[in-house]
């Protein structure tokens, strides 16, 4: 059961765990920073879900470099 769960949602689990770890470390510094903790957990979940669904890279680096080389031809 755990193996199937890990294979289907491993990225989300790892993302939430990393976000929770960094959130707890950040929370030690103050109570009102819980919103930032929730943001870290949400970002970790989003990145993990992106990995689980195998959508490709988070940032389209090829399109960005192509755009930059078209905009500034001297940077090629």
C-alpha atoms as a PDB file:
ATOM      1  CA  UNK A   1       0.000   0.000   0.000  1.00  0.00           C
ATOM      2  CA  UNK A   2       2.716   2.497   0.949  1.00  0.00           C
ATOM      3  CA  UNK A   3       4.720   1.678  -2.181  1.00  0.00           C
ATOM      4  CA  UNK A   4       1.765   2.429  -4.460  1.00  0.00           C
ATOM      5  CA  UNK A   5       1.076   5.661  -2.603  1.00  0.00           C
ATOM      6  CA  UNK A   6       4.720   6.699  -2.888  1.00  0.00           C
ATOM      7  CA  UNK A   7       4.883   5.832  -6.615  1.00  0.00           C
ATOM      8  CA  UNK A   8       1.778   7.835  -7.469  1.00  0.00           C
ATOM      9  CA  UNK A   9       2.326  10.824  -5.168  1.00  0.00           C
ATOM     10  CA  UNK A  10       6.004  10.737  -4.219  1.00  0.00           C
ATOM     11  CA  UNK A  11       6.772  14.223  -5.489  1.00  0.00           C
ATOM     12  CA  UNK A  12       3.866  15.780  -3.613  1.00  0.00           C
ATOM     13  CA  UNK A  13       4.838  13.985  -0.410  1.00  0.00           C
ATOM     14  CA  UNK A  14       8.462  15.078  -0.705  1.00  0.00           C
ATOM     15  CA  UNK A  15       7.426  18.646  -1.598  1.00  0.00           C
ATOM     16  CA  UNK A  16       5.102  18.979   1.365  1.00  0.00           C
ATOM     17  CA  UNK A  17       7.707  17.441   3.697  1.00  0.00           C
ATOM     18  CA  UNK A  18      10.369  19.887   2.493  1.00  0.00           C
ATOM     19  CA  UNK A  19       7.973  22.815   2.783  1.00  0.00           C
ATOM     20  CA  UNK A  20       6.937  21.709   6.257  1.00  0.00           C
ATOM     21  CA  UNK A  21      10.553  21.364   7.367  1.00  0.00           C
ATOM     22  CA  UNK A  22      11.495  24.822   6.120  1.00  0.00           C
ATOM     23  CA  UNK A  23       8.256  26.212   7.504  1.00  0.00           C
ATOM     24  CA  UNK A  24       8.953  24.835  10.984  1.00  0.00           C
ATOM     25  CA  UNK A  25      12.444  26.275  10.896  1.00  0.00           C
ATOM     26  CA  UNK A  26      11.011  29.626   9.876  1.00  0.00           C
ATOM     27  CA  UNK A  27       8.229  29.421  12.483  1.00  0.00           C
ATOM     28  CA  UNK A  28      10.769  29.141  15.265  1.00  0.00           C
ATOM     29  CA  UNK A  29      11.582  32.769  14.476  1.00  0.00           C
ATOM     30  CA  UNK A  30       8.023  34.022  15.098  1.00  0.00           C
ATOM     31  CA  UNK A  31       4.332  33.183  15.343  1.00  0.00           C
ATOM     32  CA  UNK A  32       2.993  35.613  12.751  1.00  0.00           C
ATOM     33  CA  UNK A  33       5.092  34.014  10.078  1.00  0.00           C
ATOM     34  CA  UNK A  34       2.644  31.102   9.823  1.00  0.00           C
ATOM     35  CA  UNK A  35       1.341  32.548   6.566  1.00  0.00           C
ATOM     36  CA  UNK A  36       4.822  32.228   5.141  1.00  0.00           C
ATOM     37  CA  UNK A  37       4.924  28.629   6.404  1.00  0.00           C
ATOM     38  CA  UNK A  38       1.671  27.870   4.578  1.00  0.00           C
ATOM     39  CA  UNK A  39       3.109  29.469   1.457  1.00  0.00           C
ATOM     40  CA  UNK A  40       6.196  27.240   1.643  1.00  0.00           C
ATOM     41  CA  UNK A  41       4.053  24.124   2.054  1.00  0.00           C
ATOM     42  CA  UNK A  42       1.853  25.180  -0.863  1.00  0.00           C
ATOM     43  CA  UNK A  43       4.843  25.807  -3.122  1.00  0.00           C
ATOM     44  CA  UNK A  44       6.307  22.429  -2.143  1.00  0.00           C
ATOM     45  CA  UNK A  45       3.013  20.726  -2.985  1.00  0.00           C
ATOM     46  CA  UNK A  46       2.757  22.551  -6.326  1.00  0.00           C
ATOM     47  CA  UNK A  47       6.296  21.574  -7.367  1.00  0.00           C
ATOM     48  CA  UNK A  48       5.712  17.968  -6.244  1.00  0.00           C
ATOM     49  CA  UNK A  49       2.430  17.754  -8.143  1.00  0.00           C
ATOM     50  CA  UNK A  50       4.139  19.173 -11.223  1.00  0.00           C
ATOM     51  CA  UNK A  51       6.778  16.422 -10.927  1.00  0.00           C
ATOM     52  CA  UNK A  52       4.204  13.678 -10.364  1.00  0.00           C
ATOM     53  CA  UNK A  53       2.268  14.665 -13.471  1.00  0.00           C
ATOM     54  CA  UNK A  54       5.488  14.737 -15.513  1.00  0.00           C
ATOM     55  CA  UNK A  55       4.644  18.034 -17.198  1.00  0.00           C
ATOM     56  CA  UNK A  56       8.259  18.873 -17.969  1.00  0.00           C
ATOM     57  CA  UNK A  57      10.439  21.652 -16.584  1.00  0.00           C
ATOM     58  CA  UNK A  58       8.925  24.313 -14.319  1.00  0.00           C
ATOM     59  CA  UNK A  59      10.460  27.116 -16.353  1.00  0.00           C
ATOM     60  CA  UNK A  60      10.619  27.062 -20.169  1.00  0.00           C
ATOM     61  CA  UNK A  61      14.349  27.786 -20.357  1.00  0.00           C
ATOM     62  CA  UNK A  62      14.544  27.097 -24.097  1.00  0.00           C
ATOM     63  CA  UNK A  63      11.827  29.655 -24.849  1.00  0.00           C
ATOM     64  CA  UNK A  64      13.454  32.207 -22.535  1.00  0.00           C
ATOM     65  CA  UNK A  65      16.892  31.834 -24.130  1.00  0.00           C
ATOM     66  CA  UNK A  66      15.339  31.989 -27.606  1.00  0.00           C
ATOM     67  CA  UNK A  67      13.461  35.156 -26.674  1.00  0.00           C
ATOM     68  CA  UNK A  68      16.610  36.719 -25.192  1.00  0.00           C
ATOM     69  CA  UNK A  69      18.703  35.908 -28.259  1.00  0.00           C
ATOM     70  CA  UNK A  70      16.017  37.390 -30.536  1.00  0.00           C
ATOM     71  CA  UNK A  71      15.736  40.506 -28.429  1.00  0.00           C
ATOM     72  CA  UNK A  72      19.459  41.010 -27.948  1.00  0.00           C
ATOM     73  CA  UNK A  73      21.303  39.514 -30.935  1.00  0.00           C
ATOM     74  CA  UNK A  74      24.710  40.395 -29.471  1.00  0.00           C
ATOM     75  CA  UNK A  75      24.121  37.854 -26.644  1.00  0.00           C
ATOM     76  CA  UNK A  76      24.347  34.793 -28.940  1.00  0.00           C
END
